Amino acid sequence: MATWHAALTRDGPGLLLRDLLAAEDADLAAIVAGLAGSGADILVLTDIDYDAGGAALAALAARMGALGADYPHHFAARPNTGLGTGRDVDGDGRRGGPRDAQGYGTYAGEGGMAVLSRLPVDAEAVRDLSGLLWRDLPGSLIAADDPARDVQRLSSSGHWIVPVAVPDGTRLDLLVWHATPPVFDGPEDRNGRRNADETRLWQHVLDGALGPPPTASFVLTGNANLDPDRGEGRHEAIRALLSDPRLADPLAGGASVDWTRLGLGPMRVSYLLPSSGLRVVAAGTAARDPAAGDHRLLWIEVETGPPDAP
């Protein structure tokens, strides 16, 4: 399976679908080619515009299919991006701005998440934790005087548990998220605290503090927007996740993005962390195509089924 924070978002609703259908954008063509050439059975995307009918996701799958990569199974749910809170969250004296939304967005669905799969996805069994209020996370770091404390959701985009049926008859759960960048705020560090809590949520899920923990093998994947050592953010949150014995880290130390143009250099912000019981056969990072953006596609190959399976 693979994950990629590829730039599949646009400046307004419907524009991604327009560009996918027009097939004239060279950068978009590079992303489509990278996805189609990944060889992954499961693809997790963490920066793709959402529409209620799934038209853009279907158009993306069709473009990939034309390159010989068929992904008949799709899943996407409405993200928190652009969803209004009714509060003046950023303190600019107005409501309804992109920073006043549940997750930053100039329109509803901007930069959401999606799963494309060659294997069946049990959409009816998906657990969507995106409605959890930030204040309700155990040990929440939300400020007592936060202007949206009673309505602010924790997930800036979403937190999903997506079951996939694998050929050996077992189930693989995808634990998918995309956290807010821990920047673009002030000394109150609202985004930094929220980013850390978006990452910490998964350990509460594994502990069973937010409902039944996963009983199947799983892969925790997405964009934490948090490097264990470099850049801004509360590094201890991602370090705690990476050191959790219930998880493996087959891509330890590797970079997922090159932000040299921003003066930051290579950093690790996207992750593929299989449950410790899964047998990892191989793992790697695709070569970066400058036309496809700063982020790189990450992949792992795992074997499911009982340890003594042939």
C-alpha atoms as a PDB file:
ATOM      1  CA  MET A   1       0.000   0.000   0.000  1.00  0.00           C
ATOM      2  CA  ALA A   2       1.041   3.609  -0.472  1.00  0.00           C
ATOM      3  CA  THR A   3       0.254   7.095   0.740  1.00  0.00           C
ATOM      4  CA  TRP A   4       0.919  10.405  -0.948  1.00  0.00           C
ATOM      5  CA  HIS A   5       0.214  13.988   0.039  1.00  0.00           C
ATOM      6  CA  ALA A   6      -0.051  14.874  -3.646  1.00  0.00           C
ATOM      7  CA  ALA A   7      -1.486  18.272  -4.580  1.00  0.00           C
ATOM      8  CA  LEU A   8      -4.959  17.247  -5.715  1.00  0.00           C
ATOM      9  CA  THR A   9      -6.630  20.409  -4.451  1.00  0.00           C
ATOM     10  CA  ARG A  10      -7.668  23.557  -6.274  1.00  0.00           C
ATOM     11  CA  ASP A  11      -8.760  27.139  -5.538  1.00  0.00           C
ATOM     12  CA  GLY A  12     -12.474  26.410  -5.711  1.00  0.00           C
ATOM     13  CA  PRO A  13     -15.067  23.628  -5.739  1.00  0.00           C
ATOM     14  CA  GLY A  14     -15.316  21.667  -8.961  1.00  0.00           C
ATOM     15  CA  LEU A  15     -11.973  22.825 -10.331  1.00  0.00           C
ATOM     16  CA  LEU A  16     -10.167  19.557  -9.632  1.00  0.00           C
ATOM     17  CA  LEU A  17     -12.836  17.693 -11.586  1.00  0.00           C
ATOM     18  CA  ARG A  18     -12.505  20.221 -14.393  1.00  0.00           C
ATOM     19  CA  ASP A  19      -8.737  19.745 -14.558  1.00  0.00           C
ATOM     20  CA  LEU A  20      -8.941  15.959 -14.375  1.00  0.00           C
ATOM     21  CA  LEU A  21     -11.406  15.857 -17.255  1.00  0.00           C
ATOM     22  CA  ALA A  22      -9.488  18.387 -19.347  1.00  0.00           C
ATOM     23  CA  ALA A  23      -6.213  16.422 -18.981  1.00  0.00           C
ATOM     24  CA  GLU A  24      -4.167  19.499 -19.899  1.00  0.00           C
ATOM     25  CA  ASP A  25      -2.337  20.148 -16.607  1.00  0.00           C
ATOM     26  CA  ALA A  26       1.235  18.789 -16.729  1.00  0.00           C
ATOM     27  CA  ASP A  27       1.653  18.755 -12.941  1.00  0.00           C
ATOM     28  CA  LEU A  28      -1.593  16.833 -12.530  1.00  0.00           C
ATOM     29  CA  ALA A  29      -0.491  14.394 -15.236  1.00  0.00           C
ATOM     30  CA  ALA A  30       2.703  13.742 -13.257  1.00  0.00           C
ATOM     31  CA  ILE A  31       0.678  12.938 -10.146  1.00  0.00           C
ATOM     32  CA  VAL A  32      -1.666  10.622 -12.053  1.00  0.00           C
ATOM     33  CA  ALA A  33       1.320   8.826 -13.589  1.00  0.00           C
ATOM     34  CA  GLY A  34       2.997   8.486 -10.193  1.00  0.00           C
ATOM     35  CA  LEU A  35      -0.120   6.986  -8.648  1.00  0.00           C
ATOM     36  CA  ALA A  36      -0.742   4.643 -11.569  1.00  0.00           C
ATOM     37  CA  GLY A  37       2.863   3.478 -11.555  1.00  0.00           C
ATOM     38  CA  SER A  38       3.036   2.850  -7.809  1.00  0.00           C
ATOM     39  CA  GLY A  39       1.907  -0.772  -8.063  1.00  0.00           C
ATOM     40  CA  ALA A  40       0.051  -0.398  -4.758  1.00  0.00           C
ATOM     41  CA  ASP A  41      -3.100  -2.376  -4.014  1.00  0.00           C
ATOM     42  CA  ILE A  42      -4.259   0.419  -1.697  1.00  0.00           C
ATOM     43  CA  LEU A  43      -3.628   4.147  -2.128  1.00  0.00           C
ATOM     44  CA  VAL A  44      -4.300   6.726   0.589  1.00  0.00           C
ATOM     45  CA  LEU A  45      -4.426  10.360  -0.548  1.00  0.00           C
ATOM     46  CA  THR A  46      -4.338  13.183   1.988  1.00  0.00           C
ATOM     47  CA  ASP A  47      -4.796  16.347  -0.094  1.00  0.00           C
ATOM     48  CA  ILE A  48      -7.662  15.776  -2.519  1.00  0.00           C
ATOM     49  CA  ASP A  49     -10.769  17.902  -2.867  1.00  0.00           C
ATOM     50  CA  TYR A  50     -13.999  16.222  -1.786  1.00  0.00           C
ATOM     51  CA  ASP A  51     -17.336  16.418  -3.542  1.00  0.00           C
ATOM     52  CA  ALA A  52     -20.474  14.696  -2.301  1.00  0.00           C
ATOM     53  CA  GLY A  53     -20.953  12.683  -5.481  1.00  0.00           C
ATOM     54  CA  GLY A  54     -17.360  11.465  -5.616  1.00  0.00           C
ATOM     55  CA  ALA A  55     -17.013  12.816  -9.150  1.00  0.00           C
ATOM     56  CA  ALA A  56     -13.411  14.010  -8.822  1.00  0.00           C
ATOM     57  CA  LEU A  57     -12.275  10.763  -7.207  1.00  0.00           C
ATOM     58  CA  ALA A  58     -14.000   8.753  -9.951  1.00  0.00           C
ATOM     59  CA  ALA A  59     -12.356  10.937 -12.610  1.00  0.00           C
ATOM     60  CA  LEU A  60      -8.965  10.379 -11.005  1.00  0.00           C
ATOM     61  CA  ALA A  61      -9.537   6.618 -11.000  1.00  0.00           C
ATOM     62  CA  ALA A  62     -10.565   6.768 -14.653  1.00  0.00           C
ATOM     63  CA  ARG A  63      -7.385   8.655 -15.578  1.00  0.00           C
ATOM     64  CA  MET A  64      -5.337   6.018 -13.758  1.00  0.00           C
ATOM     65  CA  GLY A  65      -7.313   3.249 -15.418  1.00  0.00           C
ATOM     66  CA  ALA A  66      -6.414   4.650 -18.810  1.00  0.00           C
ATOM     67  CA  LEU A  67      -2.785   4.065 -17.808  1.00  0.00           C
ATOM     68  CA  GLY A  68      -3.503   0.441 -16.931  1.00  0.00           C
ATOM     69  CA  ALA A  69      -3.980   0.882 -13.162  1.00  0.00           C
ATOM     70  CA  ASP A  70      -7.510  -0.119 -12.160  1.00  0.00           C
ATOM     71  CA  TYR A  71      -8.815   0.855  -8.728  1.00  0.00           C
ATOM     72  CA  PRO A  72     -12.510  -0.111  -8.650  1.00  0.00           C
ATOM     73  CA  HIS A  73     -13.030   0.550  -4.937  1.00  0.00           C
ATOM     74  CA  HIS A  74     -13.154   4.121  -3.594  1.00  0.00           C
ATOM     75  CA  PHE A  75     -13.849   5.718  -0.250  1.00  0.00           C
ATOM     76  CA  ALA A  76     -14.070   9.347   0.813  1.00  0.00           C
ATOM     77  CA  ALA A  77     -16.071  11.109   3.516  1.00  0.00           C
ATOM     78  CA  ARG A  78     -16.749  14.784   3.958  1.00  0.00           C
ATOM     79  CA  PRO A  79     -13.746  16.361   5.684  1.00  0.00           C
ATOM     80  CA  ASN A  80     -13.916  19.103   8.298  1.00  0.00           C
ATOM     81  CA  THR A  81     -12.157  21.541   5.970  1.00  0.00           C
ATOM     82  CA  GLY A  82     -14.307  24.566   5.192  1.00  0.00           C
ATOM     83  CA  LEU A  83     -17.086  23.400   7.518  1.00  0.00           C
ATOM     84  CA  GLY A  84     -18.270  26.432   9.481  1.00  0.00           C
ATOM     85  CA  THR A  85     -18.088  26.701  13.259  1.00  0.00           C
ATOM     86  CA  GLY A  86     -20.192  29.863  13.521  1.00  0.00           C
ATOM     87  CA  ARG A  87     -17.418  31.419  15.616  1.00  0.00           C
ATOM     88  CA  ASP A  88     -14.716  34.007  15.042  1.00  0.00           C
ATOM     89  CA  VAL A  89     -11.933  31.545  15.674  1.00  0.00           C
ATOM     90  CA  ASP A  90      -9.072  33.661  14.332  1.00  0.00           C
ATOM     91  CA  GLY A  91     -10.154  36.835  16.134  1.00  0.00           C
ATOM     92  CA  ASP A  92     -10.342  39.060  13.048  1.00  0.00           C
ATOM     93  CA  GLY A  93     -13.786  40.370  13.980  1.00  0.00           C
ATOM     94  CA  ARG A  94     -15.593  38.360  11.294  1.00  0.00           C
ATOM     95  CA  ARG A  95     -17.135  34.925  11.034  1.00  0.00           C
ATOM     96  CA  GLY A  96     -17.113  32.529   8.134  1.00  0.00           C
ATOM     97  CA  GLY A  97     -13.487  32.928   7.044  1.00  0.00           C
ATOM     98  CA  PRO A  98     -11.286  29.951   6.141  1.00  0.00           C
ATOM     99  CA  ARG A  99      -9.604  30.048   9.564  1.00  0.00           C
ATOM    100  CA  ASP A 100     -12.983  30.084  11.301  1.00  0.00           C
ATOM    101  CA  ALA A 101     -13.893  26.664   9.894  1.00  0.00           C
ATOM    102  CA  GLN A 102     -13.583  23.319  11.646  1.00  0.00           C
ATOM    103  CA  GLY A 103     -10.540  22.798   9.456  1.00  0.00           C
ATOM    104  CA  TYR A 104      -8.895  25.457   7.327  1.00  0.00           C
ATOM    105  CA  GLY A 105     -10.689  25.760   4.020  1.00  0.00           C
ATOM    106  CA  THR A 106     -11.894  28.441   1.659  1.00  0.00           C
ATOM    107  CA  TYR A 107     -14.716  26.079   0.658  1.00  0.00           C
ATOM    108  CA  ALA A 108     -16.250  22.912   2.061  1.00  0.00           C
ATOM    109  CA  GLY A 109     -14.251  19.824   1.129  1.00  0.00           C
ATOM    110  CA  GLU A 110     -11.017  21.564   0.202  1.00  0.00           C
ATOM    111  CA  GLY A 111      -7.999  19.261   0.567  1.00  0.00           C
ATOM    112  CA  GLY A 112      -9.744  16.223   2.018  1.00  0.00           C
ATOM    113  CA  MET A 113      -8.703  12.560   2.042  1.00  0.00           C
ATOM    114  CA  ALA A 114      -9.523   9.507  -0.056  1.00  0.00           C
ATOM    115  CA  VAL A 115      -8.789   5.795  -0.444  1.00  0.00           C
ATOM    116  CA  LEU A 116      -8.422   4.067  -3.810  1.00  0.00           C
ATOM    117  CA  SER A 117      -8.176   0.292  -3.644  1.00  0.00           C
ATOM    118  CA  ARG A 118      -7.962  -2.808  -5.786  1.00  0.00           C
ATOM    119  CA  LEU A 119      -9.373  -4.700  -2.793  1.00  0.00           C
ATOM    120  CA  PRO A 120     -12.940  -4.354  -1.486  1.00  0.00           C
ATOM    121  CA  VAL A 121     -13.541  -1.549   1.005  1.00  0.00           C
ATOM    122  CA  ASP A 122     -16.286  -2.089   3.577  1.00  0.00           C
ATOM    123  CA  ALA A 123     -17.683   1.439   3.513  1.00  0.00           C
ATOM    124  CA  GLU A 124     -20.582   0.507   5.798  1.00  0.00           C
ATOM    125  CA  ALA A 125     -18.153  -0.505   8.559  1.00  0.00           C
ATOM    126  CA  VAL A 126     -15.987   2.634   8.414  1.00  0.00           C
ATOM    127  CA  ARG A 127     -15.543   4.387  11.754  1.00  0.00           C
ATOM    128  CA  ASP A 128     -15.356   8.137  11.197  1.00  0.00           C
ATOM    129  CA  LEU A 129     -13.964   9.895  14.263  1.00  0.00           C
ATOM    130  CA  SER A 130     -13.940  13.306  12.584  1.00  0.00           C
ATOM    131  CA  GLY A 131     -16.864  14.588  14.656  1.00  0.00           C
ATOM    132  CA  LEU A 132     -15.057  14.196  17.982  1.00  0.00           C
ATOM    133  CA  LEU A 133     -14.854  17.530  19.783  1.00  0.00           C
ATOM    134  CA  TRP A 134     -11.317  18.593  20.570  1.00  0.00           C
ATOM    135  CA  ARG A 135     -12.202  19.172  24.226  1.00  0.00           C
ATOM    136  CA  ASP A 136     -13.423  15.555  24.505  1.00  0.00           C
ATOM    137  CA  LEU A 137     -10.079  13.954  23.678  1.00  0.00           C
ATOM    138  CA  PRO A 138      -8.629  12.579  26.926  1.00  0.00           C
ATOM    139  CA  GLY A 139      -5.968  15.013  28.113  1.00  0.00           C
ATOM    140  CA  SER A 140      -6.973  17.565  25.467  1.00  0.00           C
ATOM    141  CA  LEU A 141      -4.626  20.510  24.973  1.00  0.00           C
ATOM    142  CA  ILE A 142      -7.397  22.912  23.904  1.00  0.00           C
ATOM    143  CA  ALA A 143      -7.221  26.187  25.820  1.00  0.00           C
ATOM    144  CA  ALA A 144      -9.865  26.883  28.449  1.00  0.00           C
ATOM    145  CA  ASP A 145     -10.659  30.204  26.750  1.00  0.00           C
ATOM    146  CA  ASP A 146     -10.632  28.893  23.176  1.00  0.00           C
ATOM    147  CA  PRO A 147     -13.275  30.839  21.197  1.00  0.00           C
ATOM    148  CA  ALA A 148     -14.742  27.628  19.756  1.00  0.00           C
ATOM    149  CA  ARG A 149     -14.195  25.322  22.719  1.00  0.00           C
ATOM    150  CA  ASP A 150     -17.757  24.001  22.766  1.00  0.00           C
ATOM    151  CA  VAL A 151     -17.973  23.309  19.005  1.00  0.00           C
ATOM    152  CA  GLN A 152     -14.414  22.815  17.733  1.00  0.00           C
ATOM    153  CA  ARG A 153     -13.773  19.371  16.310  1.00  0.00           C
ATOM    154  CA  LEU A 154     -10.353  17.845  16.830  1.00  0.00           C
ATOM    155  CA  SER A 155      -9.845  16.672  13.246  1.00  0.00           C
ATOM    156  CA  SER A 156      -8.792  19.445  10.908  1.00  0.00           C
ATOM    157  CA  SER A 157      -9.483  17.123   7.963  1.00  0.00           C
ATOM    158  CA  GLY A 158     -10.493  13.728   9.355  1.00  0.00           C
ATOM    159  CA  HIS A 159      -9.669  10.569  11.296  1.00  0.00           C
ATOM    160  CA  TRP A 160     -10.993   7.343   9.756  1.00  0.00           C
ATOM    161  CA  ILE A 161     -10.776   3.616  10.387  1.00  0.00           C
ATOM    162  CA  VAL A 162     -11.408   2.003   6.991  1.00  0.00           C
ATOM    163  CA  PRO A 163     -11.714  -1.814   6.728  1.00  0.00           C
ATOM    164  CA  VAL A 164     -10.337  -3.491   3.597  1.00  0.00           C
ATOM    165  CA  ALA A 165     -10.886  -7.169   2.725  1.00  0.00           C
ATOM    166  CA  VAL A 166      -7.612  -8.858   1.775  1.00  0.00           C
ATOM    167  CA  PRO A 167      -7.404 -11.982  -0.438  1.00  0.00           C
ATOM    168  CA  ASP A 168      -6.599 -14.414   2.375  1.00  0.00           C
ATOM    169  CA  GLY A 169     -10.025 -13.742   3.898  1.00  0.00           C
ATOM    170  CA  THR A 170      -8.794 -11.499   6.703  1.00  0.00           C
ATOM    171  CA  ARG A 171      -9.333  -7.789   7.210  1.00  0.00           C
ATOM    172  CA  LEU A 172      -6.897  -4.907   7.184  1.00  0.00           C
ATOM    173  CA  ASP A 173      -7.881  -1.653   8.867  1.00  0.00           C
ATOM    174  CA  LEU A 174      -6.554   1.645   7.518  1.00  0.00           C
ATOM    175  CA  LEU A 175      -6.180   4.286  10.225  1.00  0.00           C
ATOM    176  CA  VAL A 176      -6.100   7.461   8.151  1.00  0.00           C
ATOM    177  CA  TRP A 177      -5.570  11.085   9.116  1.00  0.00           C
ATOM    178  CA  HIS A 178      -4.317  14.469   7.972  1.00  0.00           C
ATOM    179  CA  ALA A 179      -3.422  16.898  10.760  1.00  0.00           C
ATOM    180  CA  THR A 180      -3.261  20.679  10.705  1.00  0.00           C
ATOM    181  CA  PRO A 181       0.221  22.215  10.276  1.00  0.00           C
ATOM    182  CA  PRO A 182       1.593  23.310  13.680  1.00  0.00           C
ATOM    183  CA  VAL A 183       2.235  26.824  12.317  1.00  0.00           C
ATOM    184  CA  PHE A 184       0.243  29.853  11.128  1.00  0.00           C
ATOM    185  CA  ASP A 185      -0.755  30.875  14.659  1.00  0.00           C
ATOM    186  CA  GLY A 186       0.646  33.018  17.462  1.00  0.00           C
ATOM    187  CA  PRO A 187       2.147  32.542  20.916  1.00  0.00           C
ATOM    188  CA  GLU A 188      -1.004  30.701  22.009  1.00  0.00           C
ATOM    189  CA  ASP A 189       0.204  27.797  19.782  1.00  0.00           C
ATOM    190  CA  ARG A 190      -3.336  26.746  18.959  1.00  0.00           C
ATOM    191  CA  ASN A 191      -2.330  24.903  15.803  1.00  0.00           C
ATOM    192  CA  GLY A 192       0.665  23.321  17.510  1.00  0.00           C
ATOM    193  CA  ARG A 193      -1.499  21.978  20.332  1.00  0.00           C
ATOM    194  CA  ARG A 194      -4.190  20.789  17.958  1.00  0.00           C
ATOM    195  CA  ASN A 195      -1.657  19.077  15.703  1.00  0.00           C
ATOM    196  CA  ALA A 196      -0.228  17.192  18.679  1.00  0.00           C
ATOM    197  CA  ASP A 197      -3.679  16.086  19.806  1.00  0.00           C
ATOM    198  CA  GLU A 198      -4.608  14.941  16.286  1.00  0.00           C
ATOM    199  CA  THR A 199      -1.586  12.646  16.435  1.00  0.00           C
ATOM    200  CA  ARG A 200      -2.203  11.546  20.040  1.00  0.00           C
ATOM    201  CA  LEU A 201      -5.760  10.490  19.154  1.00  0.00           C
ATOM    202  CA  TRP A 202      -4.449   7.272  17.639  1.00  0.00           C
ATOM    203  CA  GLN A 203      -2.883   6.056  20.857  1.00  0.00           C
ATOM    204  CA  HIS A 204      -6.225   6.615  22.596  1.00  0.00           C
ATOM    205  CA  VAL A 205      -7.871   4.570  19.826  1.00  0.00           C
ATOM    206  CA  LEU A 206      -5.387   1.733  20.341  1.00  0.00           C
ATOM    207  CA  ASP A 207      -5.939   1.955  24.098  1.00  0.00           C
ATOM    208  CA  GLY A 208      -9.705   1.542  23.622  1.00  0.00           C
ATOM    209  CA  ALA A 209     -10.460   4.963  25.132  1.00  0.00           C
ATOM    210  CA  LEU A 210     -12.516   6.062  22.100  1.00  0.00           C
ATOM    211  CA  GLY A 211     -14.455   2.896  21.407  1.00  0.00           C
ATOM    212  CA  PRO A 212     -13.337  -0.650  20.639  1.00  0.00           C
ATOM    213  CA  PRO A 213      -9.686  -0.798  19.533  1.00  0.00           C
ATOM    214  CA  PRO A 214      -8.889  -2.383  16.158  1.00  0.00           C
ATOM    215  CA  THR A 215      -9.068  -6.168  16.310  1.00  0.00           C
ATOM    216  CA  ALA A 216      -7.695  -6.691  12.806  1.00  0.00           C
ATOM    217  CA  SER A 217      -4.227  -6.001  11.519  1.00  0.00           C
ATOM    218  CA  PHE A 218      -3.924  -2.336  10.631  1.00  0.00           C
ATOM    219  CA  VAL A 219      -1.769   0.312   9.012  1.00  0.00           C
ATOM    220  CA  LEU A 220      -1.746   3.809  10.469  1.00  0.00           C
ATOM    221  CA  THR A 221      -1.170   6.204   7.607  1.00  0.00           C
ATOM    222  CA  GLY A 222      -1.467   9.803   6.528  1.00  0.00           C
ATOM    223  CA  ASN A 223       0.078  13.210   6.969  1.00  0.00           C
ATOM    224  CA  ALA A 224       0.874  14.197  10.557  1.00  0.00           C
ATOM    225  CA  ASN A 225       2.461  17.468   9.422  1.00  0.00           C
ATOM    226  CA  LEU A 226       4.981  16.790  12.185  1.00  0.00           C
ATOM    227  CA  ASP A 227       8.616  15.720  11.957  1.00  0.00           C
ATOM    228  CA  PRO A 228      10.121  13.866  14.938  1.00  0.00           C
ATOM    229  CA  ASP A 229      13.021  16.325  15.175  1.00  0.00           C
ATOM    230  CA  ARG A 230      12.898  19.192  12.703  1.00  0.00           C
ATOM    231  CA  GLY A 231      10.664  22.186  12.139  1.00  0.00           C
ATOM    232  CA  GLU A 232       7.931  23.542  14.366  1.00  0.00           C
ATOM    233  CA  GLY A 233       5.466  21.499  16.378  1.00  0.00           C
ATOM    234  CA  ARG A 234       5.334  19.368  19.493  1.00  0.00           C
ATOM    235  CA  HIS A 235       7.725  16.653  18.414  1.00  0.00           C
ATOM    236  CA  GLU A 236       7.025  14.528  21.463  1.00  0.00           C
ATOM    237  CA  ALA A 237       3.594  13.621  20.056  1.00  0.00           C
ATOM    238  CA  ILE A 238       4.939  11.920  16.941  1.00  0.00           C
ATOM    239  CA  ARG A 239       7.895  10.445  18.817  1.00  0.00           C
ATOM    240  CA  ALA A 240       5.486   8.762  21.229  1.00  0.00           C
ATOM    241  CA  LEU A 241       3.562   7.284  18.313  1.00  0.00           C
ATOM    242  CA  LEU A 242       6.689   6.062  16.558  1.00  0.00           C
ATOM    243  CA  SER A 243       7.965   4.392  19.721  1.00  0.00           C
ATOM    244  CA  ASP A 244       4.644   2.667  20.515  1.00  0.00           C
ATOM    245  CA  PRO A 245       5.347  -1.108  20.588  1.00  0.00           C
ATOM    246  CA  ARG A 246       2.028  -1.781  18.868  1.00  0.00           C
ATOM    247  CA  LEU A 247       3.411  -0.166  15.711  1.00  0.00           C
ATOM    248  CA  ALA A 248       6.327  -0.860  13.379  1.00  0.00           C
ATOM    249  CA  ASP A 249       8.229   1.850  11.533  1.00  0.00           C
ATOM    250  CA  PRO A 250       9.705   0.348   8.347  1.00  0.00           C
ATOM    251  CA  LEU A 251      10.569   3.778   6.917  1.00  0.00           C
ATOM    252  CA  ALA A 252      12.340   5.145  10.001  1.00  0.00           C
ATOM    253  CA  GLY A 253      14.533   8.142   9.341  1.00  0.00           C
ATOM    254  CA  GLY A 254      13.331   8.752   5.797  1.00  0.00           C
ATOM    255  CA  ALA A 255      12.039  12.079   4.492  1.00  0.00           C
ATOM    256  CA  SER A 256       8.601  12.367   2.886  1.00  0.00           C
ATOM    257  CA  VAL A 257       8.875  15.949   1.640  1.00  0.00           C
ATOM    258  CA  ASP A 258      11.596  18.263   0.377  1.00  0.00           C
ATOM    259  CA  TRP A 259      10.894  21.835   1.489  1.00  0.00           C
ATOM    260  CA  THR A 260      14.214  23.248   0.333  1.00  0.00           C
ATOM    261  CA  ARG A 261      12.317  25.994  -1.499  1.00  0.00           C
ATOM    262  CA  LEU A 262      10.953  27.084   1.886  1.00  0.00           C
ATOM    263  CA  GLY A 263      14.369  26.953   3.525  1.00  0.00           C
ATOM    264  CA  LEU A 264      13.440  23.873   5.577  1.00  0.00           C
ATOM    265  CA  GLY A 265      15.053  21.064   3.587  1.00  0.00           C
ATOM    266  CA  PRO A 266      13.905  17.422   3.694  1.00  0.00           C
ATOM    267  CA  MET A 267      11.453  16.519   6.467  1.00  0.00           C
ATOM    268  CA  ARG A 268       9.349  13.571   7.524  1.00  0.00           C
ATOM    269  CA  VAL A 269       5.662  14.467   7.844  1.00  0.00           C
ATOM    270  CA  SER A 270       3.793  11.562   6.180  1.00  0.00           C
ATOM    271  CA  TYR A 271       3.796   8.062   7.638  1.00  0.00           C
ATOM    272  CA  LEU A 272       3.018   4.381   6.972  1.00  0.00           C
ATOM    273  CA  LEU A 273       3.057   2.525  10.298  1.00  0.00           C
ATOM    274  CA  PRO A 274       1.832  -1.091  10.195  1.00  0.00           C
ATOM    275  CA  SER A 275       0.698  -2.899  13.309  1.00  0.00           C
ATOM    276  CA  SER A 276       3.576  -4.819  14.850  1.00  0.00           C
ATOM    277  CA  GLY A 277       2.062  -8.193  13.955  1.00  0.00           C
ATOM    278  CA  LEU A 278       2.147  -7.557  10.221  1.00  0.00           C
ATOM    279  CA  ARG A 279       5.105  -8.964   8.310  1.00  0.00           C
ATOM    280  CA  VAL A 280       6.744  -6.179   6.330  1.00  0.00           C
ATOM    281  CA  VAL A 281       8.338  -7.531   3.153  1.00  0.00           C
ATOM    282  CA  ALA A 282       9.681  -4.259   1.779  1.00  0.00           C
ATOM    283  CA  ALA A 283       9.284  -0.504   2.132  1.00  0.00           C
ATOM    284  CA  GLY A 284      10.454   2.536   0.282  1.00  0.00           C
ATOM    285  CA  THR A 285       9.961   6.079  -0.929  1.00  0.00           C
ATOM    286  CA  ALA A 286       9.379   6.920  -4.572  1.00  0.00           C
ATOM    287  CA  ALA A 287      11.778   9.260  -6.301  1.00  0.00           C
ATOM    288  CA  ARG A 288      10.424  12.798  -6.260  1.00  0.00           C
ATOM    289  CA  ASP A 289       9.193  14.192  -9.539  1.00  0.00           C
ATOM    290  CA  PRO A 290       9.484  18.010  -9.252  1.00  0.00           C
ATOM    291  CA  ALA A 291       6.454  18.348 -11.520  1.00  0.00           C
ATOM    292  CA  ALA A 292       4.370  16.437  -8.949  1.00  0.00           C
ATOM    293  CA  GLY A 293       5.178  18.730  -6.021  1.00  0.00           C
ATOM    294  CA  ASP A 294       7.286  18.669  -2.866  1.00  0.00           C
ATOM    295  CA  HIS A 295       5.863  15.522  -1.276  1.00  0.00           C
ATOM    296  CA  ARG A 296       6.892  11.965  -2.137  1.00  0.00           C
ATOM    297  CA  LEU A 297       4.884   8.765  -2.348  1.00  0.00           C
ATOM    298  CA  LEU A 298       5.648   6.280   0.456  1.00  0.00           C
ATOM    299  CA  TRP A 299       4.972   2.552   0.120  1.00  0.00           C
ATOM    300  CA  ILE A 300       5.170  -0.653   2.101  1.00  0.00           C
ATOM    301  CA  GLU A 301       4.558  -4.274   1.181  1.00  0.00           C
ATOM    302  CA  VAL A 302       3.085  -6.460   3.913  1.00  0.00           C
ATOM    303  CA  GLU A 303       1.943 -10.052   4.197  1.00  0.00           C
ATOM    304  CA  THR A 304      -1.295 -10.812   5.998  1.00  0.00           C
ATOM    305  CA  GLY A 305      -2.681 -14.045   7.365  1.00  0.00           C
ATOM    306  CA  PRO A 306      -1.349 -16.412  10.056  1.00  0.00           C
ATOM    307  CA  PRO A 307       2.455 -16.575  10.537  1.00  0.00           C
ATOM    308  CA  ASP A 308       2.626 -20.144   9.236  1.00  0.00           C
ATOM    309  CA  ALA A 309       0.725 -19.381   6.034  1.00  0.00           C
ATOM    310  CA  PRO A 310       2.577 -20.461   2.866  1.00  0.00           C
END
